[in-house]
Amino acid sequence: MSKRLDIAQAPGHLIRRAQQIAVAEFARATAEHDVTPVQFAFLSAVLDTPGEDQVTLAKRVAFDAATSGSVIGRLEAKGWVRREADAQDRRRKLLYATAEGVAALQGMNAAVAQAQQNILAPLSHADQAGFMRLLAKLVEGHESA
């Protein structure tokens, strides 16, 4: 009989737990801003590349293109993002941050930075650097496969 997997030490389980911790820290740090990690990622990406279409933007933030419309819809309802039809292809929606969106993002940047520090706080500075290097390598390895 083969040895049973110790779920508490399984990479998938630990990554899922780490993701739960990351989301909880983000929510705690940004509670006054009424924003989710995915909304923050989309808003940041819109600000970085104004006029990008929502399908390309979804790929850039590694989010499902089919459901990205609802995230963008919530950002639009908050007044943080506006959609415009592409003049060459009316089906293609281009995204722009509004002045309110820029201000909202600037207002939450410190809270998001604090959340990132909180996530890594149990690790020494050296371990944080090593963990981030390995985590980036893991993600890159799976994305290029």
C-alpha atoms as a PDB file:
ATOM      1  CA  MET A   1       0.000   0.000   0.000  1.00  0.00           C
ATOM      2  CA  SER A   2       1.350   3.418  -0.943  1.00  0.00           C
ATOM      3  CA  LYS A   3       1.934   6.117   1.619  1.00  0.00           C
ATOM      4  CA  ARG A   4      -1.047   8.459   2.034  1.00  0.00           C
ATOM      5  CA  LEU A   5      -0.467  12.100   1.067  1.00  0.00           C
ATOM      6  CA  ASP A   6      -0.081  14.428   4.034  1.00  0.00           C
ATOM      7  CA  ILE A   7      -2.461  17.150   2.855  1.00  0.00           C
ATOM      8  CA  ALA A   8      -1.002  19.675   5.304  1.00  0.00           C
ATOM      9  CA  GLN A   9       2.315  19.413   3.444  1.00  0.00           C
ATOM     10  CA  ALA A  10       0.923  19.231  -0.101  1.00  0.00           C
ATOM     11  CA  PRO A  11       1.989  22.157  -2.331  1.00  0.00           C
ATOM     12  CA  GLY A  12      -1.525  22.705  -3.655  1.00  0.00           C
ATOM     13  CA  HIS A  13      -2.994  22.845  -0.153  1.00  0.00           C
ATOM     14  CA  LEU A  14      -0.310  25.236   1.110  1.00  0.00           C
ATOM     15  CA  ILE A  15      -0.705  27.497  -1.940  1.00  0.00           C
ATOM     16  CA  ARG A  16      -4.490  27.551  -1.411  1.00  0.00           C
ATOM     17  CA  ARG A  17      -4.005  28.449   2.257  1.00  0.00           C
ATOM     18  CA  ALA A  18      -1.482  31.142   1.341  1.00  0.00           C
ATOM     19  CA  GLN A  19      -3.987  32.573  -1.154  1.00  0.00           C
ATOM     20  CA  GLN A  20      -6.682  32.631   1.544  1.00  0.00           C
ATOM     21  CA  ILE A  21      -4.283  34.456   3.865  1.00  0.00           C
ATOM     22  CA  ALA A  22      -3.355  36.921   1.106  1.00  0.00           C
ATOM     23  CA  VAL A  23      -7.010  37.712   0.356  1.00  0.00           C
ATOM     24  CA  ALA A  24      -7.793  38.136   4.073  1.00  0.00           C
ATOM     25  CA  GLU A  25      -4.824  40.491   4.555  1.00  0.00           C
ATOM     26  CA  PHE A  26      -5.840  42.481   1.476  1.00  0.00           C
ATOM     27  CA  ALA A  27      -9.435  42.762   2.713  1.00  0.00           C
ATOM     28  CA  ARG A  28      -8.312  43.831   6.187  1.00  0.00           C
ATOM     29  CA  ALA A  29      -5.900  46.473   4.879  1.00  0.00           C
ATOM     30  CA  THR A  30      -8.275  47.870   2.234  1.00  0.00           C
ATOM     31  CA  ALA A  31     -11.598  47.609   4.111  1.00  0.00           C
ATOM     32  CA  GLU A  32     -12.274  51.350   3.887  1.00  0.00           C
ATOM     33  CA  HIS A  33     -11.716  51.330   0.111  1.00  0.00           C
ATOM     34  CA  ASP A  34     -14.389  48.758  -0.858  1.00  0.00           C
ATOM     35  CA  VAL A  35     -12.169  46.991  -3.388  1.00  0.00           C
ATOM     36  CA  THR A  36     -11.252  43.364  -4.085  1.00  0.00           C
ATOM     37  CA  PRO A  37      -7.799  42.145  -5.112  1.00  0.00           C
ATOM     38  CA  VAL A  38      -9.072  41.474  -8.646  1.00  0.00           C
ATOM     39  CA  GLN A  39     -10.667  44.925  -8.917  1.00  0.00           C
ATOM     40  CA  PHE A  40      -7.407  46.488  -7.718  1.00  0.00           C
ATOM     41  CA  ALA A  41      -5.423  44.500 -10.293  1.00  0.00           C
ATOM     42  CA  PHE A  42      -7.754  45.551 -13.118  1.00  0.00           C
ATOM     43  CA  LEU A  43      -7.790  49.194 -12.064  1.00  0.00           C
ATOM     44  CA  SER A  44      -3.986  49.228 -11.831  1.00  0.00           C
ATOM     45  CA  ALA A  45      -3.695  47.623 -15.253  1.00  0.00           C
ATOM     46  CA  VAL A  46      -6.153  50.114 -16.792  1.00  0.00           C
ATOM     47  CA  LEU A  47      -4.122  52.966 -15.362  1.00  0.00           C
ATOM     48  CA  ASP A  48      -0.873  51.437 -16.674  1.00  0.00           C
ATOM     49  CA  THR A  49      -2.232  50.890 -20.208  1.00  0.00           C
ATOM     50  CA  PRO A  50      -5.067  53.314 -20.969  1.00  0.00           C
ATOM     51  CA  GLY A  51      -7.137  52.342 -23.998  1.00  0.00           C
ATOM     52  CA  GLU A  52      -6.394  48.623 -23.709  1.00  0.00           C
ATOM     53  CA  ASP A  53      -9.266  46.317 -24.631  1.00  0.00           C
ATOM     54  CA  GLN A  54     -10.826  44.271 -21.854  1.00  0.00           C
ATOM     55  CA  VAL A  55      -9.840  40.856 -23.283  1.00  0.00           C
ATOM     56  CA  THR A  56      -6.156  41.823 -23.479  1.00  0.00           C
ATOM     57  CA  LEU A  57      -6.367  43.404 -20.044  1.00  0.00           C
ATOM     58  CA  ALA A  58      -7.868  40.222 -18.581  1.00  0.00           C
ATOM     59  CA  LYS A  59      -4.916  38.238 -19.956  1.00  0.00           C
ATOM     60  CA  ARG A  60      -2.480  40.738 -18.462  1.00  0.00           C
ATOM     61  CA  VAL A  61      -3.921  40.319 -14.964  1.00  0.00           C
ATOM     62  CA  ALA A  62      -4.316  36.540 -15.450  1.00  0.00           C
ATOM     63  CA  PHE A  63      -8.086  36.589 -15.062  1.00  0.00           C
ATOM     64  CA  ASP A  64     -10.765  34.744 -17.002  1.00  0.00           C
ATOM     65  CA  ALA A  65     -11.789  36.938 -19.963  1.00  0.00           C
ATOM     66  CA  ALA A  66     -15.362  35.620 -19.859  1.00  0.00           C
ATOM     67  CA  THR A  67     -15.986  36.931 -16.340  1.00  0.00           C
ATOM     68  CA  SER A  68     -13.774  40.007 -16.526  1.00  0.00           C
ATOM     69  CA  GLY A  69     -16.753  41.974 -17.824  1.00  0.00           C
ATOM     70  CA  SER A  70     -18.476  41.751 -14.438  1.00  0.00           C
ATOM     71  CA  VAL A  71     -15.350  42.999 -12.633  1.00  0.00           C
ATOM     72  CA  ILE A  72     -15.033  45.868 -15.079  1.00  0.00           C
ATOM     73  CA  GLY A  73     -18.767  46.539 -14.694  1.00  0.00           C
ATOM     74  CA  ARG A  74     -18.301  46.953 -10.931  1.00  0.00           C
ATOM     75  CA  LEU A  75     -15.374  49.323 -11.502  1.00  0.00           C
ATOM     76  CA  GLU A  76     -17.508  51.245 -13.962  1.00  0.00           C
ATOM     77  CA  ALA A  77     -20.410  51.401 -11.470  1.00  0.00           C
ATOM     78  CA  LYS A  78     -18.020  52.886  -8.896  1.00  0.00           C
ATOM     79  CA  GLY A  79     -17.081  55.537 -11.447  1.00  0.00           C
ATOM     80  CA  TRP A  80     -13.459  54.376 -11.572  1.00  0.00           C
ATOM     81  CA  VAL A  81     -13.354  53.087 -15.165  1.00  0.00           C
ATOM     82  CA  ARG A  82     -15.095  53.988 -18.396  1.00  0.00           C
ATOM     83  CA  ARG A  83     -15.546  51.775 -21.459  1.00  0.00           C
ATOM     84  CA  GLU A  84     -15.498  53.073 -25.007  1.00  0.00           C
ATOM     85  CA  ALA A  85     -16.217  51.168 -28.188  1.00  0.00           C
ATOM     86  CA  ASP A  86     -13.215  50.874 -30.492  1.00  0.00           C
ATOM     87  CA  ALA A  87     -13.755  53.005 -33.622  1.00  0.00           C
ATOM     88  CA  GLN A  88     -12.425  50.155 -35.843  1.00  0.00           C
ATOM     89  CA  ASP A  89     -14.346  47.345 -34.108  1.00  0.00           C
ATOM     90  CA  ARG A  90     -17.434  48.415 -32.156  1.00  0.00           C
ATOM     91  CA  ARG A  91     -17.545  45.038 -30.355  1.00  0.00           C
ATOM     92  CA  ARG A  92     -14.134  45.717 -28.814  1.00  0.00           C
ATOM     93  CA  LYS A  93     -14.335  47.764 -25.592  1.00  0.00           C
ATOM     94  CA  LEU A  94     -11.431  50.011 -24.654  1.00  0.00           C
ATOM     95  CA  LEU A  95     -10.890  50.882 -21.014  1.00  0.00           C
ATOM     96  CA  TYR A  96      -9.802  54.119 -19.378  1.00  0.00           C
ATOM     97  CA  ALA A  97      -9.409  55.097 -15.736  1.00  0.00           C
ATOM     98  CA  THR A  98     -11.492  58.089 -14.704  1.00  0.00           C
ATOM     99  CA  ALA A  99     -10.156  60.880 -12.498  1.00  0.00           C
ATOM    100  CA  GLU A 100     -12.089  59.232  -9.638  1.00  0.00           C
ATOM    101  CA  GLY A 101     -10.398  55.914 -10.444  1.00  0.00           C
ATOM    102  CA  VAL A 102      -6.950  57.479 -10.401  1.00  0.00           C
ATOM    103  CA  ALA A 103      -7.701  59.130  -7.053  1.00  0.00           C
ATOM    104  CA  ALA A 104      -9.127  55.891  -5.632  1.00  0.00           C
ATOM    105  CA  LEU A 105      -6.042  53.947  -6.694  1.00  0.00           C
ATOM    106  CA  GLN A 106      -3.710  56.565  -5.212  1.00  0.00           C
ATOM    107  CA  GLY A 107      -5.743  56.483  -2.006  1.00  0.00           C
ATOM    108  CA  MET A 108      -5.471  52.724  -1.610  1.00  0.00           C
ATOM    109  CA  ASN A 109      -1.847  52.201  -2.673  1.00  0.00           C
ATOM    110  CA  ALA A 110      -0.488  52.523   0.875  1.00  0.00           C
ATOM    111  CA  ALA A 111      -3.082  50.059   2.202  1.00  0.00           C
ATOM    112  CA  VAL A 112      -2.267  47.548  -0.534  1.00  0.00           C
ATOM    113  CA  ALA A 113       1.467  47.933   0.134  1.00  0.00           C
ATOM    114  CA  GLN A 114       0.776  47.285   3.825  1.00  0.00           C
ATOM    115  CA  ALA A 115      -1.201  44.155   2.940  1.00  0.00           C
ATOM    116  CA  GLN A 116       1.777  42.868   0.943  1.00  0.00           C
ATOM    117  CA  GLN A 117       4.068  43.459   3.933  1.00  0.00           C
ATOM    118  CA  ASN A 118       1.590  41.721   6.257  1.00  0.00           C
ATOM    119  CA  ILE A 119       1.458  38.661   4.007  1.00  0.00           C
ATOM    120  CA  LEU A 120       5.226  38.209   4.189  1.00  0.00           C
ATOM    121  CA  ALA A 121       5.647  39.347   7.813  1.00  0.00           C
ATOM    122  CA  PRO A 122       6.236  35.864   9.297  1.00  0.00           C
ATOM    123  CA  LEU A 123       9.359  35.509   7.140  1.00  0.00           C
ATOM    124  CA  SER A 124      12.764  37.109   7.660  1.00  0.00           C
ATOM    125  CA  HIS A 125      13.853  39.640   5.015  1.00  0.00           C
ATOM    126  CA  ALA A 126      16.162  37.031   3.483  1.00  0.00           C
ATOM    127  CA  ASP A 127      13.377  34.434   3.438  1.00  0.00           C
ATOM    128  CA  GLN A 128      10.975  36.980   1.914  1.00  0.00           C
ATOM    129  CA  ALA A 129      13.397  37.618  -0.958  1.00  0.00           C
ATOM    130  CA  GLY A 130      13.933  33.886  -1.505  1.00  0.00           C
ATOM    131  CA  PHE A 131      10.222  33.126  -1.301  1.00  0.00           C
ATOM    132  CA  MET A 132       9.366  35.854  -3.834  1.00  0.00           C
ATOM    133  CA  ARG A 133      12.107  34.627  -6.183  1.00  0.00           C
ATOM    134  CA  LEU A 134      10.844  31.039  -6.008  1.00  0.00           C
ATOM    135  CA  LEU A 135       7.187  32.050  -6.257  1.00  0.00           C
ATOM    136  CA  ALA A 136       7.901  34.115  -9.386  1.00  0.00           C
ATOM    137  CA  LYS A 137       9.897  31.186 -10.826  1.00  0.00           C
ATOM    138  CA  LEU A 138       7.009  28.791 -10.113  1.00  0.00           C
ATOM    139  CA  VAL A 139       4.435  31.040 -11.791  1.00  0.00           C
ATOM    140  CA  GLU A 140       6.710  31.781 -14.759  1.00  0.00           C
ATOM    141  CA  GLY A 141       7.447  28.072 -15.221  1.00  0.00           C
ATOM    142  CA  HIS A 142       3.756  27.213 -15.380  1.00  0.00           C
ATOM    143  CA  GLU A 143       2.880  30.163 -17.614  1.00  0.00           C
ATOM    144  CA  SER A 144       5.562  29.291 -20.166  1.00  0.00           C
ATOM    145  CA  ALA A 145       4.649  25.585 -20.233  1.00  0.00           C
END
